[in-house]
Every structure is written in structure tokens, then in C-alpha cells.
Protein backbone atom coordinates (compact mmCIF):
# COMPACT_ATOMS: atom_id res chain seq x y z
CA MET A 1 149.64 102.44 74.06
CA PRO A 2 148.37 100.27 70.47
CA ILE A 3 147.97 96.44 71.26
CA THR A 4 149.90 93.88 69.49
CA PRO A 5 148.17 91.28 68.49
CA THR A 6 148.81 88.25 69.56
CA THR A 7 147.44 84.36 68.76
CA MET A 8 144.07 83.44 70.80
CA ILE A 9 141.96 84.58 73.25
CA TRP A 10 140.01 82.41 75.10
CA MET A 11 136.22 82.76 75.44
CA ASN A 12 134.57 80.80 77.93
CA GLY A 13 136.50 77.64 78.39
CA GLU A 14 137.91 77.70 74.48
CA LEU A 15 140.91 79.13 73.05
CA VAL A 16 139.68 80.76 69.75
CA PRO A 17 141.56 82.86 66.97
CA TRP A 18 142.39 86.11 68.15
CA ASP A 19 140.26 87.45 64.88
CA ASP A 20 137.52 85.49 65.77
CA ALA A 21 136.68 86.73 69.56
CA ARG A 22 133.61 88.98 68.46
CA ILE A 23 130.92 89.97 70.41
CA HIS A 24 127.90 90.85 68.56
CA ILE A 25 126.94 94.36 68.24
CA LEU A 26 123.73 94.33 70.40
CA ASN A 27 125.87 92.85 73.06
CA PRO A 28 123.85 94.83 76.20
CA THR A 29 127.40 95.07 77.94
CA LEU A 30 128.52 97.53 74.86
CA HIS A 31 125.71 99.14 75.57
CA TYR A 32 125.27 99.85 79.43
CA GLY A 33 128.74 98.93 80.41
CA TRP A 34 127.26 96.26 82.81
CA GLY A 35 130.63 94.42 82.94
CA VAL A 36 133.85 93.67 85.06
CA PHE A 37 137.11 92.77 84.34
CA GLU A 38 141.07 92.95 85.37
CA GLY A 39 144.41 94.13 84.79
CA ILE A 40 147.50 91.69 85.44
CA ARG A 41 151.05 91.18 84.01
CA ALA A 42 153.05 88.06 83.64
CA TYR A 43 156.82 88.64 83.93
CA SER A 44 159.64 86.91 82.51
CA THR A 45 161.43 85.16 85.10
CA ALA A 46 164.55 82.45 85.43
CA SER A 47 161.81 79.81 86.01
CA GLY A 48 160.26 80.79 83.02
CA PRO A 49 157.00 82.76 82.68
CA ALA A 50 155.10 84.10 85.71
CA VAL A 51 151.72 86.08 86.66
CA PHE A 52 152.08 88.67 89.31
CA ARG A 53 149.55 87.66 92.20
CA LEU A 54 147.02 85.89 89.90
CA THR A 55 145.48 84.20 92.73
CA ASP A 56 144.96 87.54 94.00
CA HIS A 57 143.67 89.43 91.07
CA ILE A 58 141.37 86.29 89.89
CA LYS A 59 140.12 86.55 93.19
CA ARG A 60 139.31 90.04 93.56
CA LEU A 61 137.59 89.55 89.59
CA PHE A 62 135.17 87.82 91.20
CA ARG A 63 134.63 90.39 94.56
CA SER A 64 133.89 92.83 91.05
CA ALA A 65 131.28 89.96 89.92
CA LYS A 66 129.57 89.65 92.71
CA VAL A 67 129.23 93.57 93.25
CA TYR A 68 127.65 93.57 89.95
CA LEU A 69 125.34 90.70 90.65
CA LEU A 70 127.75 88.86 87.18
CA THR A 71 127.24 84.69 88.03
CA PRO A 72 130.20 83.11 85.66
CA ASP A 73 129.63 79.33 85.02
CA PHE A 74 133.73 79.07 85.96
CA SER A 75 135.67 79.19 89.44
CA VAL A 76 138.33 81.07 90.62
CA GLU A 77 140.52 77.77 89.91
CA GLU A 78 139.75 77.73 86.30
CA ILE A 79 139.69 80.91 85.55
CA ILE A 80 143.66 80.67 87.42
CA ALA A 81 143.95 77.76 84.82
CA ALA A 82 142.58 79.41 82.21
CA THR A 83 144.73 82.13 82.26
CA LYS A 84 148.12 80.26 82.60
CA GLN A 85 146.49 78.05 79.73
CA THR A 86 146.32 81.97 77.26
CA VAL A 87 149.58 82.78 78.26
CA THR A 88 151.50 79.50 77.53
CA ALA A 89 148.85 79.36 74.02
CA ASN A 90 150.60 82.67 72.78
CA ASP A 91 153.92 81.97 74.29
CA MET A 92 154.51 84.92 76.01
CA LYS A 93 157.48 85.35 78.04
CA ALA A 94 155.72 88.94 79.41
CA CYS A 95 152.56 90.17 78.73
CA TYR A 96 149.60 92.34 79.95
CA ILE A 97 146.36 89.77 80.81
CA ARG A 98 143.08 91.13 80.38
CA PRO A 99 139.92 89.00 81.71
CA ILE A 100 136.30 90.43 81.48
CA MET A 101 133.13 89.17 82.70
CA TYR A 102 130.31 90.39 80.46
CA LEU A 103 126.93 89.96 79.29
CA GLY A 104 125.78 87.36 76.61
CA TYR A 105 123.77 88.23 73.66
CA GLY A 106 120.01 87.90 73.37
CA GLU A 107 118.63 90.38 76.02
CA MET A 108 118.66 94.33 76.17
CA GLY A 109 117.41 96.67 78.43
CA LEU A 110 118.97 98.11 81.49
CA ASN A 111 117.75 94.97 83.98
CA PRO A 112 121.44 92.52 83.37
CA LEU A 113 119.44 89.81 85.40
CA PRO A 114 118.16 87.53 82.48
CA SER A 115 121.28 87.82 80.60
CA LYS A 116 124.53 85.25 80.83
CA THR A 117 127.84 86.09 82.25
CA GLU A 118 130.19 85.47 79.92
CA VAL A 119 134.00 85.35 80.31
CA ALA A 120 137.46 86.31 77.97
CA ILE A 121 141.00 86.63 78.25
CA ALA A 122 143.55 88.24 76.18
CA VAL A 123 146.98 88.20 76.54
CA TRP A 124 149.43 91.03 74.28
CA PRO A 125 152.89 92.32 75.10
CA TRP A 126 152.80 95.96 76.85
CA GLY A 127 155.38 98.12 78.13
CA ALA A 128 155.41 100.90 80.54
CA TYR A 129 151.79 102.62 80.14
CA LEU A 130 152.93 105.85 81.16
CA GLY A 131 156.13 105.87 79.52
CA GLU A 132 159.71 104.67 80.20
CA ALA A 133 160.51 108.70 80.66
CA ALA A 134 158.19 108.97 83.44
CA MET A 135 158.92 105.63 84.86
CA ALA A 136 163.16 106.75 85.57
CA ASN A 137 162.74 110.64 85.79
CA GLY A 138 158.83 111.05 86.97
CA CYS A 139 155.29 112.02 85.61
CA ARG A 140 153.66 115.44 85.15
CA ALA A 141 150.21 115.11 87.04
CA VAL A 142 147.32 117.59 87.24
CA THR A 143 144.42 117.79 89.61
CA SER A 144 141.35 116.92 87.42
CA ASN A 145 137.94 119.09 86.85
CA TRP A 146 136.29 115.66 87.00
CA GLN A 147 134.76 114.62 90.51
CA HIS A 148 135.53 110.54 91.60
CA ILE A 149 132.54 108.43 91.11
CA ASN A 150 130.56 108.73 94.68
CA ALA A 151 130.48 105.40 96.09
CA ASN A 152 126.64 105.54 96.52
CA SER A 153 126.41 106.12 92.64
CA ILE A 154 128.54 103.93 90.94
CA PRO A 155 130.58 101.31 93.57
CA PRO A 156 134.62 101.96 92.96
CA THR A 157 135.45 98.82 95.29
CA GLY A 158 134.03 96.73 91.91
CA LYS A 159 136.38 96.95 89.11
CA GLY A 160 133.29 97.71 86.35
CA THR A 161 133.69 98.94 82.77
CA GLY A 162 131.27 101.14 82.89
CA GLN A 163 132.67 103.11 85.88
CA TYR A 164 135.96 103.82 83.67
CA VAL A 165 133.97 106.76 81.42
CA ASN A 166 135.16 108.61 84.65
CA SER A 167 138.56 107.69 84.11
CA SER A 168 139.00 107.94 80.85
CA LEU A 169 137.88 111.64 80.99
CA ALA A 170 139.91 112.49 84.02
CA LYS A 171 142.70 111.05 81.59
CA VAL A 172 141.49 112.98 78.51
CA MET A 173 141.83 116.35 80.14
CA ALA A 174 144.94 115.78 81.13
CA LEU A 175 146.28 114.60 78.45
CA LYS A 176 145.10 117.20 76.07
CA SER A 177 146.38 120.09 78.93
CA GLY A 178 149.67 118.95 78.36
CA TYR A 179 150.28 116.38 81.82
CA ASP A 180 150.83 112.69 82.06
CA GLU A 181 148.24 111.87 84.66
CA ALA A 182 145.16 113.21 85.96
CA ILE A 183 144.64 112.70 89.99
CA LEU A 184 140.80 112.61 90.85
CA LEU A 185 139.36 113.91 93.79
CA ASN A 186 136.30 113.04 95.71
CA PRO A 187 133.43 114.72 96.54
CA GLN A 188 134.56 115.88 99.74
CA GLY A 189 137.67 117.11 98.22
CA ASN A 190 139.95 114.53 99.23
CA VAL A 191 142.36 112.85 96.94
CA VAL A 192 141.12 109.17 95.80
CA GLN A 193 143.25 108.13 92.89
CA GLY A 194 145.28 109.13 89.45
CA SER A 195 142.82 107.97 86.42
CA GLY A 196 144.60 104.30 86.43
CA GLU A 197 146.71 103.66 89.62
CA ASN A 198 146.53 104.22 93.18
CA ILE A 199 148.58 107.28 94.74
CA PHE A 200 151.37 107.52 97.61
CA VAL A 201 153.11 110.47 98.81
CA VAL A 202 156.75 110.51 101.43
CA ARG A 203 156.79 113.10 103.85
CA ASP A 204 159.42 112.90 106.66
CA GLY A 205 159.64 109.35 105.99
CA VAL A 206 156.73 108.27 106.41
CA VAL A 207 154.88 106.71 103.16
CA ILE A 208 151.36 107.74 103.07
CA THR A 209 148.08 106.85 100.88
CA PRO A 210 144.77 107.57 101.04
CA PRO A 211 142.65 104.86 102.63
CA THR A 212 139.58 102.75 101.00
CA GLN A 213 136.72 105.13 102.85
CA GLU A 214 138.22 107.89 99.52
CA GLY A 215 136.14 105.69 97.16
CA LEU A 216 139.66 104.13 95.73
CA LEU A 217 140.02 101.04 94.46
CA GLU A 218 141.90 98.32 96.17
CA GLY A 219 144.97 97.81 94.50
CA ILE A 220 146.76 95.20 94.27
CA THR A 221 150.22 96.95 93.52
CA ARG A 222 149.21 99.38 96.36
CA ASP A 223 148.87 96.23 98.36
CA SER A 224 152.32 95.12 97.45
CA VAL A 225 153.65 97.99 97.84
CA ILE A 226 152.23 98.58 101.33
CA ARG A 227 153.96 95.69 102.73
CA ILE A 228 157.15 96.42 100.61
CA ALA A 229 157.71 99.42 102.36
CA ARG A 230 156.89 98.24 105.77
CA ASP A 231 159.54 95.31 104.93
CA LEU A 232 161.80 98.23 104.28
CA GLY A 233 161.44 99.64 107.95
CA TYR A 234 159.66 102.27 106.76
CA GLU A 235 156.29 103.67 108.63
CA VAL A 236 152.97 103.35 106.56
CA MET A 237 150.07 105.57 106.96
CA GLN A 238 146.33 104.95 105.17
CA SER A 239 145.39 109.00 105.92
CA ALA A 240 143.23 111.72 103.82
CA LEU A 241 145.30 113.76 101.53
CA VAL A 242 144.14 117.17 100.19
CA ARG A 243 145.98 118.36 96.87
CA THR A 244 147.90 120.67 99.08
CA ASP A 245 149.35 117.77 100.44
CA LEU A 246 150.67 116.46 97.14
CA TYR A 247 152.49 120.25 96.60
CA HIS A 248 153.71 119.65 100.32
CA ALA A 249 155.15 116.21 99.96
CA ASP A 250 158.50 115.37 99.86
CA GLU A 251 158.04 112.86 97.00
CA ALA A 252 155.36 111.03 95.35
CA PHE A 253 154.08 108.65 93.06
CA PHE A 254 151.60 106.13 91.46
CA THR A 255 151.25 102.49 91.62
CA GLY A 256 149.23 99.97 89.53
CA THR A 257 149.26 96.86 87.22
CA ALA A 258 149.77 98.31 84.05
CA ALA A 259 151.70 101.52 85.68
CA GLU A 260 153.99 99.94 87.87
CA ILE A 261 155.87 101.99 90.18
CA VAL A 262 155.93 105.60 88.68
CA PRO A 263 157.32 108.62 90.67
CA ILE A 264 155.49 111.82 90.37
CA ALA A 265 157.80 114.72 89.52
CA GLU A 266 155.38 117.75 89.04
CA VAL A 267 151.35 118.21 90.70
CA ASP A 268 149.52 121.07 89.37
CA ASP A 269 152.84 122.56 88.05
CA ARG A 270 154.26 122.46 91.44
CA ALA A 271 157.32 120.11 91.44
CA VAL A 272 156.82 117.48 93.97
CA GLY A 273 160.49 118.02 96.64
CA ASP A 274 163.27 119.06 93.76
CA GLY A 275 161.48 117.16 90.75
CA ARG A 276 163.22 114.22 91.22
CA PRO A 277 162.22 110.56 91.84
CA GLY A 278 162.76 110.59 95.53
CA LEU A 279 164.89 108.13 97.17
CA ILE A 280 162.50 106.19 98.88
CA THR A 281 160.19 105.96 95.82
CA ARG A 282 163.40 104.55 93.74
CA GLU A 283 163.58 101.87 96.94
CA ILE A 284 160.30 100.42 97.17
CA GLN A 285 160.17 100.90 93.08
CA ALA A 286 163.32 98.82 92.94
CA THR A 287 162.25 96.07 95.24
CA PHE A 288 159.06 95.64 93.47
CA GLN A 289 160.66 94.91 90.07
CA ARG A 290 162.73 92.46 91.54
CA ALA A 291 159.29 90.94 93.17
CA THR A 292 157.57 91.00 90.11
CA VAL A 293 160.56 88.56 87.96
CA GLY A 294 160.85 86.02 91.40
CA GLU A 295 164.29 87.80 92.64
CA ASP A 296 163.41 88.62 95.83
CA ASP A 297 162.88 85.58 98.46
CA ARG A 298 160.44 87.82 100.27
CA TYR A 299 157.84 87.91 98.04
CA LYS A 300 158.51 84.29 96.24
CA ASP A 301 154.86 83.73 96.15
CA TRP A 302 153.91 86.82 94.46
CA ALA A 303 155.26 85.54 91.11
CA GLU A 304 152.67 82.46 90.05
CA LEU A 305 154.61 80.44 87.55
CA VAL A 306 152.79 79.86 84.75
CA THR A 307 154.11 76.16 84.52
CA ASP A 308 155.21 74.09 87.14
């Protein structure tokens, strides 16, 4: 999806014009993929723009930084404030937010430790990641022939920039084959997640998602959906899934900050349920949408206002 430029980007404590937010061609993160990032959304609410679970996202950013031995000069609280500052400076009512920590220019080679950790935050308008049609009617997914990264090769619990080559390969394979999204399996053959989303299935009224031990990223939206589903009275299980569990599911859906909640209509050319978004998926999706804009009192603390 093309980026619509905004006005300012926050870089290392300063707001700089969009076109001046540059790094050197010999930046080591560009060459070796040693960096971490977050994907966050701000929504338009009755009280003004609010960032969905901003504090949780920035805490996860710092956990990822710890995995990759990145040491920013800023605290969690300072990056939270900088995120709000960037949304305000660009006069955004709703937007996608991309904070990133990367290695500073001046060192090269496979040892990242001598390089300074730099931080930037950009915001821009971004619609439905998998498209409005997929949100409404469900998407078509395919099991990827690219295996998900092994936890003992690249740590999936850190949202590292370089590891997303794995996801991109799976995504491109799916698109070139005529599907909307890919589903990745781990070396044991168990379902992990989509290329950029966590995955859930519903069977006999039980909501099931793979556990973190399968090698998935602990999604903020995933966590939100687990709580919402339980609040709605559904049993939620974290249990290993194989691809045929997707075929036999009554319902299935993806979750993620960019994707939000997208029903899955087909997996590997097999209809999920009757091939239409299921009632439980719809109920969770609707509740989540109300939560993002501060319209459900149970989740008021999730919508963090940009200005008090």
C-alpha cells in the first residue's frame, strides 16, 4: 500500500521535515537488518485522536531492543511522549505509527555493539492492510512453502527488522499465487501465524490460537482479542494447530495492528466453515472496533488520548 507523506518525522529527539528524514547509505541496519520496530495505530475518537495500547506497544519495542542489545538514549515514557508529539505535529486524527530503533552511521561489520542506537517515529494515513473487501467478506489464505523462522536461529519474540524478510518471502509467494495472505508453519509443521498477523480459529464455539512456544510474535491485537473473547463469554485456548485444523475450523481470522481483525474465508482453496465470516468472528471484530475508538467502557484504558 503506497505511503501518503505527512509533514514531520521525529528523529532522535527532534522533529524534521519528511523529506529530510534520511540515513547514510552505509548505515549498518540497512546492510544487516539489525534493528527493531513497532506498528501502532491511532484512531479518531469523540475525545480526539487516541493511540491504541500505545504504552504496551512501546514497552514491547523496548523488549525487542533488549533482545537485539540496542540501548536507546530515551526511556519508554519519552518515546510515548514523542509518539504523541509526532501525531500532533502532523495534525493526524487517525494514522499508522512506525517507531524504529536502528544502528547509527559510523561503524560497519557484523558486530553491532560499537554503533549508537538511533530512534525515529513516522506517522501516515493507512487504510485496511488486507483491503476493505477482506475485512467485510474474508480473505483467501495459503499455507506458505517458506518455513517460519526457528527460535534458535532468529528470536521471533523480538520484532526485528531483518527477520521480516521471512515474512516478505511468504507474502510475495501468496500474492503471486493469487491469494491475499500466507500462513507460515514452524519446523515441527505447526501453524505459527500469517506473514504479519496472528491467527485464530473457532471450533464448536471455542476460540483457539497457537501458543507463543510455536515461535509467534506476542501480538498486542492478539492479546486484546483473547481478553475480548473471554469477556464475551467464549472459552479461549492456546493450543498447537496443524494446517488441517484450519480446514476443519468453523471460523478463522487474522489479527494484527495493520490488519486489525480480518476473517479468513479460505485456506488452501478450502472454505473455512461456509466460506463467510462467522458470527463469533463478527462479534469479536465489532467489539474490537468499538474498543479502538473508546466506545466500550471495558477497554477505555486501551485508547490513549494524544492530548489530555
